[in-house]
Amino acid sequence: MLKKFNFVNLIPFVLGASAVAIIIACGNGEIIKLDVDKIEQSRDNLGNLIDYMYDGSSSSIGSSSSGGNSSSSGVGSSSSDGYSSSSGISSSSSGGGSSSSSSSSEVPAPIPNELTCPSTSSAVIGAACTWMPSTVVSGDIARVSTSPAEGCESKVFAIATGSLGRTGTAYFEEGDIVIAGEKPTDNANVKFTWPASGKEERIQSKLTCGETCSVVNCPLTITGAPAPAVTGDLACPAWDLTGNPGKLAIGTDISAGCGISGIAISNNAQAQCGDIELEQEGSTSGTGKVTFKAVATCRNTKHTLKIKEYEVVPDPKLGECTWNKNRLAVGAEAKPTATLDNSYGRCEAVSYTGGFPRILQLSDVGNITGIKASANCGSPVGILESICGTLEVIEFENSLDMNGKTLISVEQGKSYTLTTGCTGSTNFFAIMCGWNSASEGCSVKIGGTTYSGGHNNSPGCRIPAPAVGSVIEIIKANPMQVKCEDQYNGSLCSSN
């Protein structure tokens, strides 16, 4: 990530690099000796400054590349030490060192003065640097030696190139060397990394014998190590939440770990792995991930043989209890709802007190309070509860006054409460629909019974007059009117 930075602070670094040495003095053409050490120091200073500005992040500039391979853009892509170079500078592997042998297209890294031979010295007769064995499997051990050695001083080294052209020198002692992984250099920003296979040609030896001196190559061929062939699997206890494999509750006791006795490496003679061990990452103290790994070190390289991942999920939570409407009339269904989250099979269905959901009665008119939603989630969570808000119950949402013979228009999809019923001899209730045109008929629902009629040349039908307080639900209207009728000539409505 690009840090907030005052670019004025860059000036001393730029001036320092520019003032290291002036190669050609203006005016008389005099050539001035170049101070290489100061140039190297200035380059490292500039590299450290850019590392500070970008904090080792690859997301701000260029495309990323695993292992630190160089990008084709003008600004380097990321490697694990922050950057790798664009074309013209050797690419870095993880940690900054090259992960393969040098190619002819790479710019060779400069050798520090102390590792070069003076121009006045003569070569060491028989100078050589060899590995035993000369071809080694990645992860195995090899030894480097120089000759002649008696009475001579030798330094075996490799120049690793990191991002922005920075270099570091790695030194190798004569003795057992593991041909795998990374090796630090004298530059904290650059590491030497062994290739997984191929020819390693960066290693050299400076051999000094009195007044004679030689720098020779120490080539080593590396072959890829065989990957371990794994059989069996981790045997983990049944920690998973019921019906939710891979999910764990907070606080689950996983101290027993997973069994590894059933895991084997069938080609261990070639892979040369040590004991199989169990590793754990994460805990159940809070939400997150828990990972169990069966691992083994094969030829000095650690391998993950099997892996099992779990997600630690939040505790169940019962949300706010709300009504389908905060104001409802008698005859309507009152339905409370509280959402249960993160159950993962731990909780029973949400239930509500007061017999809800149910149809509202006249006795419910007023404010209904204290209705409770609850869910039993068992141990250790227990019963979750949520108090529902206040529900206002009114007697009528839409009223019908049926006194007399006045036609009253009604709307499809609505319900009406009969406030004044039919009086006297008007003891029939008429459904009037479709009298002006062909009709498919109308229907109403009263007290659980559906009445239908009125179609084409029979524009209406009649039913016994409902009692006061009845809720009349208009199922179909094309359009429709209702009235009280004492002697309506139409037929009786069909009912079901």
Protein backbone atom coordinates (compact mmCIF):
# COMPACT_ATOMS: atom_id res chain seq x y z
CA MET A 1 0.00 0.00 0.00
CA LEU A 2 1.33 3.41 -0.91
CA LYS A 3 2.11 5.29 2.27
CA LYS A 4 1.40 8.96 2.82
CA PHE A 5 4.79 10.47 2.14
CA ASN A 6 6.38 13.88 1.67
CA PHE A 7 8.34 13.59 -1.56
CA VAL A 8 10.56 16.47 -0.40
CA ASN A 9 12.21 13.81 1.76
CA LEU A 10 13.36 12.14 -1.45
CA ILE A 11 15.65 15.05 -2.37
CA PRO A 12 18.59 14.14 -0.05
CA PHE A 13 18.62 10.59 -1.46
CA VAL A 14 18.58 11.77 -5.07
CA LEU A 15 21.24 14.40 -4.40
CA GLY A 16 23.30 11.84 -2.51
CA ALA A 17 23.20 9.45 -5.46
CA SER A 18 23.95 12.22 -7.93
CA ALA A 19 26.86 13.58 -5.92
CA VAL A 20 28.62 10.25 -5.34
CA ALA A 21 30.97 10.81 -8.22
CA ILE A 22 31.14 13.09 -11.21
CA ILE A 23 32.53 10.96 -13.96
CA ILE A 24 33.68 13.67 -16.31
CA ALA A 25 34.70 17.10 -14.97
CA CYS A 26 33.22 19.92 -17.01
CA GLY A 27 35.63 22.07 -19.00
CA ASN A 28 38.83 20.06 -19.25
CA GLY A 29 37.61 16.52 -19.92
CA GLU A 30 39.37 15.15 -16.84
CA ILE A 31 38.15 11.67 -15.86
CA ILE A 32 37.53 11.25 -12.12
CA LYS A 33 37.66 7.86 -10.43
CA LEU A 34 34.21 6.37 -9.67
CA ASP A 35 33.58 5.48 -6.00
CA VAL A 36 31.72 2.17 -6.39
CA ASP A 37 31.04 1.68 -2.68
CA LYS A 38 29.21 4.99 -2.41
CA ILE A 39 27.13 4.20 -5.47
CA GLU A 40 26.11 0.86 -3.95
CA GLN A 41 25.22 2.61 -0.66
CA SER A 42 23.13 5.24 -2.45
CA ARG A 43 21.27 2.59 -4.44
CA ASP A 44 20.45 0.69 -1.24
CA ASN A 45 19.29 3.92 0.41
CA LEU A 46 16.95 4.60 -2.49
CA GLY A 47 15.65 1.03 -2.41
CA ASN A 48 14.98 1.22 1.32
CA LEU A 49 13.14 4.50 0.82
CA ILE A 50 10.86 2.96 -1.80
CA ASP A 51 10.27 -0.04 0.45
CA TYR A 52 9.15 2.40 3.15
CA MET A 53 6.85 4.24 0.75
CA TYR A 54 5.15 1.07 -0.48
CA ASP A 55 5.51 -1.02 2.67
CA GLY A 56 6.32 -4.12 0.65
CA SER A 57 2.87 -4.23 -0.93
CA SER A 58 2.36 -5.42 -4.48
CA SER A 59 -1.24 -4.33 -4.82
CA SER A 60 -0.51 -0.70 -5.62
CA ILE A 61 1.76 -1.08 -8.61
CA GLY A 62 2.11 -3.69 -11.33
CA SER A 63 0.74 -7.20 -11.48
CA SER A 64 1.72 -9.82 -8.95
CA SER A 65 3.73 -12.94 -9.68
CA SER A 66 4.32 -15.84 -7.33
CA GLY A 67 7.92 -16.49 -6.55
CA GLY A 68 8.97 -13.02 -7.54
CA ASN A 69 9.19 -13.38 -11.32
CA SER A 70 9.67 -10.09 -13.06
CA SER A 71 6.75 -8.30 -14.67
CA SER A 72 6.66 -6.98 -18.20
CA SER A 73 5.43 -3.58 -17.10
CA GLY A 74 7.71 -0.64 -16.43
CA VAL A 75 7.23 -1.07 -12.68
CA GLY A 76 8.09 -4.40 -11.06
CA SER A 77 5.54 -6.90 -9.83
CA SER A 78 5.55 -8.20 -6.29
CA SER A 79 7.75 -10.84 -4.70
CA SER A 80 7.92 -11.73 -1.04
CA ASP A 81 10.50 -8.99 -0.33
CA GLY A 82 8.23 -6.40 -1.92
CA TYR A 83 9.25 -6.00 -5.57
CA SER A 84 10.85 -7.69 -8.51
CA SER A 85 12.48 -5.91 -11.35
CA SER A 86 11.23 -4.99 -14.78
CA SER A 87 13.18 -5.92 -17.90
CA GLY A 88 16.87 -5.11 -17.69
CA ILE A 89 17.22 -6.19 -14.03
CA SER A 90 17.44 -9.77 -12.81
CA SER A 91 14.16 -11.02 -11.38
CA SER A 92 13.93 -12.12 -7.78
CA SER A 93 12.50 -15.27 -6.32
CA SER A 94 10.77 -15.37 -2.95
CA GLY A 95 12.91 -13.30 -0.66
CA GLY A 96 14.75 -11.60 -3.49
CA GLY A 97 17.19 -14.19 -4.81
CA SER A 98 17.01 -15.69 -8.29
CA SER A 99 15.27 -19.03 -8.31
CA SER A 100 16.92 -20.46 -11.40
CA SER A 101 20.31 -20.44 -13.03
CA SER A 102 21.41 -17.30 -14.81
CA SER A 103 20.49 -17.00 -18.46
CA SER A 104 22.38 -15.20 -21.18
CA SER A 105 19.75 -12.45 -21.25
CA GLU A 106 20.28 -11.50 -17.58
CA VAL A 107 22.53 -8.65 -16.55
CA PRO A 108 25.24 -10.24 -14.35
CA ALA A 109 25.37 -8.93 -10.79
CA PRO A 110 28.55 -6.98 -9.98
CA ILE A 111 31.02 -8.69 -7.64
CA PRO A 112 32.09 -6.62 -4.60
CA ASN A 113 35.72 -5.43 -4.66
CA GLU A 114 36.74 -7.67 -1.77
CA LEU A 115 35.70 -10.74 -3.78
CA THR A 116 37.66 -9.85 -6.91
CA CYS A 117 41.34 -10.45 -7.56
CA PRO A 118 43.77 -7.57 -7.96
CA SER A 119 44.82 -6.99 -11.55
CA THR A 120 48.46 -7.39 -10.52
CA SER A 121 48.03 -10.91 -9.15
CA SER A 122 48.61 -14.06 -11.13
CA ALA A 123 46.17 -16.96 -11.24
CA VAL A 124 46.25 -19.84 -8.79
CA ILE A 125 47.48 -22.94 -10.52
CA GLY A 126 44.84 -25.72 -10.35
CA ALA A 127 42.20 -23.48 -8.83
CA ALA A 128 38.84 -25.25 -8.81
CA CYS A 129 35.54 -25.32 -6.91
CA THR A 130 33.47 -28.51 -6.87
CA TRP A 131 30.41 -30.00 -5.20
CA MET A 132 30.10 -33.46 -3.76
CA PRO A 133 27.94 -34.77 -5.31
CA SER A 134 27.94 -32.63 -8.42
CA THR A 135 24.27 -33.50 -9.03
CA VAL A 136 22.01 -33.38 -6.00
CA VAL A 137 18.30 -33.89 -5.36
CA SER A 138 16.56 -30.75 -4.12
CA GLY A 139 16.44 -30.86 -0.34
CA ASP A 140 19.42 -33.17 0.04
CA ILE A 141 22.81 -32.24 1.47
CA ALA A 142 25.89 -31.46 -0.59
CA ARG A 143 29.43 -30.25 0.22
CA VAL A 144 31.41 -27.59 -1.58
CA SER A 145 35.20 -27.66 -1.67
CA THR A 146 38.00 -25.70 -3.34
CA SER A 147 41.47 -26.76 -4.44
CA PRO A 148 44.28 -26.22 -3.78
CA ALA A 149 43.31 -25.50 -0.17
CA GLU A 150 46.51 -25.97 1.88
CA GLY A 151 47.99 -22.62 2.77
CA CYS A 152 45.28 -20.81 0.79
CA GLU A 153 42.27 -18.80 1.78
CA SER A 154 38.97 -19.41 0.03
CA LYS A 155 35.63 -17.62 0.07
CA VAL A 156 32.66 -19.37 -1.53
CA PHE A 157 29.90 -16.91 -2.33
CA ALA A 158 26.95 -16.06 -4.58
CA ILE A 159 25.63 -12.67 -5.61
CA ALA A 160 21.82 -12.64 -5.32
CA THR A 161 19.90 -9.94 -7.13
CA GLY A 162 16.79 -8.47 -5.57
CA SER A 163 14.31 -5.81 -6.59
CA LEU A 164 15.37 -2.47 -8.03
CA GLY A 165 18.72 -3.98 -8.92
CA ARG A 166 19.78 -4.37 -5.30
CA THR A 167 22.27 -7.12 -4.60
CA GLY A 168 23.41 -9.12 -1.63
CA THR A 169 26.24 -11.56 -1.08
CA ALA A 170 25.57 -14.99 0.42
CA TYR A 171 28.55 -16.94 1.82
CA PHE A 172 28.87 -20.72 1.99
CA GLU A 173 30.97 -22.62 4.50
CA GLU A 174 32.75 -25.78 3.50
CA GLY A 175 30.71 -28.63 4.97
CA ASP A 176 27.15 -29.93 4.78
CA ILE A 177 24.79 -27.56 2.98
CA VAL A 178 21.06 -28.18 2.56
CA ILE A 179 20.20 -27.52 -1.09
CA ALA A 180 16.76 -26.03 -0.49
CA GLY A 181 15.02 -22.92 0.76
CA GLU A 182 16.50 -19.49 1.31
CA LYS A 183 19.78 -18.16 2.60
CA PRO A 184 20.25 -14.63 3.95
CA THR A 185 22.76 -12.25 2.41
CA ASP A 186 24.60 -9.24 3.73
CA ASN A 187 21.67 -7.13 2.47
CA ALA A 188 18.55 -7.56 4.60
CA ASN A 189 16.35 -6.84 1.57
CA VAL A 190 17.82 -9.61 -0.58
CA LYS A 191 17.93 -13.38 -0.09
CA PHE A 192 19.55 -16.17 -2.03
CA THR A 193 17.03 -18.89 -2.95
CA TRP A 194 17.92 -22.34 -4.20
CA PRO A 195 16.10 -23.40 -7.38
CA ALA A 196 13.86 -26.46 -7.17
CA SER A 197 15.70 -27.91 -10.14
CA GLY A 198 18.10 -26.90 -12.87
CA LYS A 199 21.68 -25.67 -13.00
CA GLU A 200 22.82 -23.31 -10.25
CA GLU A 201 25.62 -21.18 -11.72
CA ARG A 202 25.69 -18.16 -9.42
CA ILE A 203 28.05 -19.69 -6.85
CA GLN A 204 31.74 -18.78 -7.13
CA SER A 205 34.90 -19.11 -5.09
CA LYS A 206 37.70 -16.61 -4.55
CA LEU A 207 40.91 -18.53 -3.90
CA THR A 208 43.93 -16.59 -2.59
CA CYS A 209 47.27 -18.34 -2.22
CA GLY A 210 49.93 -15.81 -1.23
CA GLU A 211 50.40 -13.45 -4.17
CA THR A 212 48.19 -15.52 -6.47
CA CYS A 213 44.44 -15.17 -6.74
CA SER A 214 41.63 -16.73 -8.79
CA VAL A 215 37.84 -16.49 -8.90
CA VAL A 216 36.29 -19.69 -10.23
CA ASN A 217 32.75 -20.98 -10.73
CA CYS A 218 31.15 -23.64 -8.55
CA PRO A 219 28.44 -25.18 -10.78
CA LEU A 220 25.86 -27.49 -9.24
CA THR A 221 23.09 -29.47 -10.92
CA ILE A 222 19.85 -29.84 -8.93
CA THR A 223 17.17 -32.38 -9.74
CA GLY A 224 13.59 -32.11 -8.48
CA ALA A 225 12.71 -34.07 -5.37
CA PRO A 226 9.88 -36.61 -5.69
CA ALA A 227 6.70 -35.45 -3.99
CA PRO A 228 5.45 -37.68 -1.18
CA ALA A 229 2.63 -40.01 -2.27
CA VAL A 230 0.10 -39.86 0.56
CA THR A 231 -2.52 -42.44 1.53
CA GLY A 232 -5.14 -42.19 4.25
CA ASP A 233 -6.60 -39.07 5.82
CA LEU A 234 -6.96 -37.12 9.04
CA ALA A 235 -9.37 -38.70 11.51
CA CYS A 236 -11.14 -35.85 13.30
CA PRO A 237 -13.81 -36.28 16.00
CA ALA A 238 -17.45 -35.43 15.23
CA TRP A 239 -17.16 -31.79 16.24
CA ASP A 240 -19.28 -30.58 13.32
CA LEU A 241 -22.67 -29.05 14.03
CA THR A 242 -25.50 -31.42 13.10
CA GLY A 243 -26.16 -31.34 9.39
CA ASN A 244 -23.45 -28.74 8.86
CA PRO A 245 -20.10 -30.42 8.12
CA GLY A 246 -17.09 -28.19 8.61
CA LYS A 247 -18.95 -25.84 10.99
CA LEU A 248 -17.97 -25.53 14.66
CA ALA A 249 -19.64 -23.70 17.54
CA ILE A 250 -17.71 -21.14 19.55
CA GLY A 251 -16.12 -22.88 22.53
CA THR A 252 -16.05 -26.37 21.00
CA ASP A 253 -13.38 -28.48 22.72
CA ILE A 254 -10.96 -29.51 19.98
CA SER A 255 -8.02 -30.24 22.27
CA ALA A 256 -8.01 -33.91 21.24
CA GLY A 257 -6.92 -32.90 17.74
CA CYS A 258 -7.23 -35.11 14.68
CA GLY A 259 -5.73 -38.55 14.36
CA ILE A 260 -2.84 -39.08 11.95
CA SER A 261 -2.21 -42.79 12.44
CA GLY A 262 -4.05 -43.64 9.21
CA ILE A 263 -1.81 -41.48 7.04
CA ALA A 264 1.18 -43.03 5.28
CA ILE A 265 3.69 -42.14 2.56
CA SER A 266 3.84 -44.97 0.07
CA ASN A 267 7.02 -43.79 -1.69
CA ASN A 268 8.98 -42.86 1.39
CA ALA A 269 12.08 -44.62 0.11
CA GLN A 270 12.29 -41.96 -2.59
CA ALA A 271 10.64 -39.02 -0.78
CA GLN A 272 12.72 -39.62 2.38
CA CYS A 273 10.23 -38.08 4.82
CA GLY A 274 10.53 -37.95 8.58
CA ASP A 275 7.78 -38.54 11.09
CA ILE A 276 4.27 -37.34 10.28
CA GLU A 277 3.13 -34.68 12.74
CA LEU A 278 -0.10 -32.77 13.43
CA GLU A 279 -0.25 -29.00 13.35
CA GLN A 280 -3.16 -26.78 14.39
CA GLU A 281 -3.85 -23.20 13.37
CA GLY A 282 -6.63 -21.15 14.98
CA SER A 283 -8.96 -21.83 17.91
CA THR A 284 -12.66 -21.90 18.77
CA SER A 285 -12.47 -18.98 21.19
CA GLY A 286 -14.19 -16.81 18.57
CA THR A 287 -15.39 -16.88 15.00
CA GLY A 288 -12.82 -17.65 12.33
CA LYS A 289 -10.97 -20.60 10.86
CA VAL A 290 -9.43 -23.66 12.45
CA THR A 291 -7.03 -25.76 10.39
CA PHE A 292 -5.48 -29.14 11.14
CA LYS A 293 -2.55 -30.30 9.01
CA ALA A 294 -0.65 -33.53 8.77
CA VAL A 295 2.91 -32.48 7.89
CA ALA A 296 6.25 -34.15 7.30
CA THR A 297 9.72 -32.94 6.42
CA CYS A 298 10.97 -34.67 3.28
CA ARG A 299 14.55 -34.08 2.14
CA ASN A 300 14.78 -31.02 4.42
CA THR A 301 11.62 -29.51 2.95
CA LYS A 302 8.36 -29.34 4.88
CA HIS A 303 5.29 -30.79 3.12
CA THR A 304 1.60 -30.60 4.02
CA LEU A 305 0.23 -34.10 3.47
CA LYS A 306 -3.42 -33.68 4.49
CA ILE A 307 -5.47 -30.74 5.64
CA LYS A 308 -8.86 -30.29 7.32
CA GLU A 309 -10.45 -26.87 7.70
CA TYR A 310 -13.32 -25.77 9.93
CA GLU A 311 -15.27 -22.55 10.22
CA VAL A 312 -16.16 -21.38 13.72
CA VAL A 313 -19.62 -19.84 13.32
CA PRO A 314 -21.33 -17.18 15.48
CA ASP A 315 -23.77 -18.09 18.24
CA PRO A 316 -27.46 -18.27 17.24
CA LYS A 317 -29.30 -14.97 17.35
CA LEU A 318 -33.04 -14.28 17.45
CA GLY A 319 -33.91 -11.02 15.75
CA GLU A 320 -36.57 -8.43 16.53
CA CYS A 321 -40.16 -9.67 16.65
CA THR A 322 -42.52 -7.72 14.35
CA TRP A 323 -46.14 -8.08 13.19
CA ASN A 324 -47.32 -8.44 9.62
CA LYS A 325 -49.14 -5.13 10.26
CA ASN A 326 -49.08 -2.99 13.39
CA ARG A 327 -52.83 -2.30 13.06
CA LEU A 328 -55.28 -5.07 12.16
CA ALA A 329 -59.04 -5.56 12.28
CA VAL A 330 -61.08 -8.35 13.75
CA GLY A 331 -61.14 -11.28 11.32
CA ALA A 332 -57.64 -10.64 9.97
CA GLU A 333 -54.72 -12.96 10.62
CA ALA A 334 -52.13 -11.57 13.03
CA LYS A 335 -48.74 -13.04 12.27
CA PRO A 336 -45.63 -12.22 14.31
CA THR A 337 -42.19 -12.91 12.84
CA ALA A 338 -38.74 -13.12 14.43
CA THR A 339 -35.82 -14.26 12.29
CA LEU A 340 -33.44 -16.84 13.70
CA ASP A 341 -29.87 -16.46 12.42
CA ASN A 342 -26.81 -18.73 12.73
CA SER A 343 -28.81 -21.74 13.86
CA TYR A 344 -26.78 -24.33 11.91
CA GLY A 345 -29.13 -27.03 13.20
CA ARG A 346 -28.76 -26.07 16.86
CA CYS A 347 -32.19 -24.50 17.42
CA GLU A 348 -35.81 -25.59 17.22
CA ALA A 349 -38.32 -23.60 15.17
CA VAL A 350 -39.35 -20.20 16.51
CA SER A 351 -42.62 -20.27 18.46
CA TYR A 352 -44.89 -17.48 19.74
CA THR A 353 -47.04 -17.07 22.83
CA GLY A 354 -50.74 -16.17 22.70
CA GLY A 355 -51.47 -18.84 20.11
CA PHE A 356 -50.10 -16.68 17.32
CA PRO A 357 -50.25 -16.66 14.38
CA ARG A 358 -54.08 -16.72 14.50
CA ILE A 359 -57.30 -14.96 13.38
CA LEU A 360 -58.18 -11.95 15.54
CA GLN A 361 -61.46 -12.02 17.51
CA LEU A 362 -63.70 -9.29 18.93
CA SER A 363 -62.16 -10.04 22.31
CA ASP A 364 -58.78 -8.94 20.92
CA VAL A 365 -59.91 -5.37 20.24
CA GLY A 366 -57.43 -2.99 21.84
CA ASN A 367 -53.65 -3.25 22.20
CA ILE A 368 -52.00 -6.66 22.36
CA THR A 369 -48.62 -6.53 24.17
CA GLY A 370 -46.13 -8.94 25.70
CA ILE A 371 -46.27 -11.54 22.95
CA LYS A 372 -42.97 -13.40 23.04
CA ALA A 373 -41.00 -15.16 20.29
CA SER A 374 -38.65 -17.91 21.46
CA ALA A 375 -36.33 -20.58 20.10
CA ASN A 376 -34.77 -23.41 22.08
CA CYS A 377 -31.14 -23.80 20.96
CA GLY A 378 -30.08 -26.37 23.55
CA SER A 379 -26.87 -26.33 25.57
CA PRO A 380 -24.89 -24.17 25.91
CA VAL A 381 -26.89 -21.43 24.15
CA GLY A 382 -30.24 -22.13 25.84
CA ILE A 383 -33.55 -20.46 24.96
CA LEU A 384 -33.46 -17.26 22.93
CA GLU A 385 -36.33 -14.78 23.35
CA SER A 386 -37.60 -11.63 21.69
CA ILE A 387 -40.58 -9.52 22.80
CA CYS A 388 -42.94 -8.51 19.99
CA GLY A 389 -44.05 -4.92 19.59
CA THR A 390 -47.54 -3.66 20.31
CA LEU A 391 -50.35 -4.77 17.98
CA GLU A 392 -53.41 -2.51 17.69
CA VAL A 393 -56.63 -4.44 17.03
CA ILE A 394 -59.65 -2.56 15.72
CA GLU A 395 -63.18 -3.86 15.27
CA PHE A 396 -63.61 -3.04 11.59
CA GLU A 397 -61.18 -2.36 8.78
CA ASN A 398 -63.88 -1.76 6.12
CA SER A 399 -67.55 -1.60 7.14
CA LEU A 400 -70.80 -2.32 5.31
CA ASP A 401 -74.09 -0.66 6.28
CA MET A 402 -76.75 -2.90 4.69
CA ASN A 403 -79.88 -1.18 6.09
CA GLY A 404 -82.36 -0.67 3.27
CA LYS A 405 -81.87 -1.58 -0.39
CA THR A 406 -79.00 0.70 -1.28
CA LEU A 407 -76.45 -0.86 -3.60
CA ILE A 408 -72.93 -0.77 -2.08
CA SER A 409 -69.88 -1.17 -4.31
CA VAL A 410 -67.07 -3.40 -3.06
CA GLU A 411 -63.53 -4.11 -4.29
CA GLN A 412 -61.94 -7.39 -5.16
CA GLY A 413 -59.29 -8.54 -2.70
CA LYS A 414 -60.68 -6.59 0.27
CA SER A 415 -62.57 -7.75 3.35
CA TYR A 416 -65.57 -5.94 4.85
CA THR A 417 -67.17 -6.19 8.26
CA LEU A 418 -71.00 -6.02 8.37
CA THR A 419 -71.83 -3.27 10.86
CA THR A 420 -75.58 -2.98 10.14
CA GLY A 421 -77.41 -5.98 8.84
CA CYS A 422 -80.55 -6.43 6.79
CA THR A 423 -83.77 -5.53 8.65
CA GLY A 424 -87.42 -6.44 8.43
CA SER A 425 -88.36 -8.71 5.57
CA THR A 426 -85.10 -8.06 3.75
CA ASN A 427 -83.62 -11.29 4.95
CA PHE A 428 -81.58 -12.03 1.85
CA PHE A 429 -78.19 -10.70 0.87
CA ALA A 430 -77.76 -10.13 -2.86
CA ILE A 431 -74.57 -10.31 -4.90
CA MET A 432 -75.01 -8.12 -7.97
CA CYS A 433 -72.41 -8.48 -10.72
CA GLY A 434 -72.11 -8.64 -14.49
CA TRP A 435 -75.49 -7.18 -15.33
CA ASN A 436 -74.14 -4.88 -18.05
CA SER A 437 -72.09 -7.42 -19.96
CA ALA A 438 -71.15 -11.03 -20.07
CA SER A 439 -69.53 -12.05 -16.83
CA GLU A 440 -67.62 -14.97 -15.41
CA GLY A 441 -69.42 -14.42 -12.14
CA CYS A 442 -68.39 -13.20 -8.69
CA SER A 443 -67.70 -14.80 -5.35
CA VAL A 444 -67.50 -13.88 -1.68
CA LYS A 445 -66.31 -15.72 1.41
CA ILE A 446 -68.26 -15.50 4.68
CA GLY A 447 -67.44 -17.53 7.76
CA GLY A 448 -65.38 -20.08 5.86
CA THR A 449 -68.00 -20.62 3.12
CA THR A 450 -67.48 -19.36 -0.41
CA TYR A 451 -70.58 -18.20 -2.35
CA SER A 452 -70.47 -17.80 -6.14
CA GLY A 453 -72.90 -16.76 -8.85
CA GLY A 454 -73.98 -14.04 -11.25
CA HIS A 455 -72.91 -14.73 -14.80
CA ASN A 456 -73.99 -13.69 -18.29
CA ASN A 457 -77.83 -13.39 -18.27
CA SER A 458 -78.09 -14.07 -14.57
CA PRO A 459 -76.40 -10.96 -13.17
CA GLY A 460 -76.80 -11.83 -9.50
CA CYS A 461 -77.58 -14.40 -6.85
CA ARG A 462 -78.71 -14.38 -3.25
CA ILE A 463 -77.66 -15.86 0.05
CA PRO A 464 -79.13 -15.73 3.59
CA ALA A 465 -78.30 -12.35 5.11
CA PRO A 466 -75.14 -12.58 7.26
CA ALA A 467 -75.19 -11.63 10.92
CA VAL A 468 -73.82 -8.32 12.13
CA GLY A 469 -70.08 -8.58 12.70
CA SER A 470 -69.57 -11.06 9.89
CA VAL A 471 -66.46 -10.54 7.77
CA ILE A 472 -67.18 -10.62 4.06
CA GLU A 473 -64.10 -11.29 1.90
CA ILE A 474 -64.51 -10.31 -1.75
CA ILE A 475 -62.85 -13.09 -3.76
CA LYS A 476 -63.89 -12.07 -7.28
CA ALA A 477 -65.63 -8.90 -8.50
CA ASN A 478 -66.31 -7.99 -12.14
CA PRO A 479 -67.36 -5.40 -10.80
CA MET A 480 -69.64 -6.13 -7.88
CA GLN A 481 -72.24 -4.52 -5.63
CA VAL A 482 -74.14 -5.92 -2.67
CA LYS A 483 -77.51 -5.02 -1.09
CA CYS A 484 -80.28 -6.32 1.12
CA GLU A 485 -83.18 -7.85 -0.81
CA ASP A 486 -86.58 -8.94 0.45
CA GLN A 487 -87.75 -10.78 -2.66
CA TYR A 488 -84.95 -11.00 -5.17
CA ASN A 489 -85.92 -13.04 -8.21
CA GLY A 490 -82.40 -14.32 -8.80
CA SER A 491 -81.30 -17.80 -7.92
CA LEU A 492 -79.51 -18.83 -4.78
CA CYS A 493 -75.74 -18.58 -4.97
CA SER A 494 -73.77 -21.80 -5.11
CA SER A 495 -71.74 -22.48 -2.01
CA ASN A 496 -68.82 -24.65 -0.95
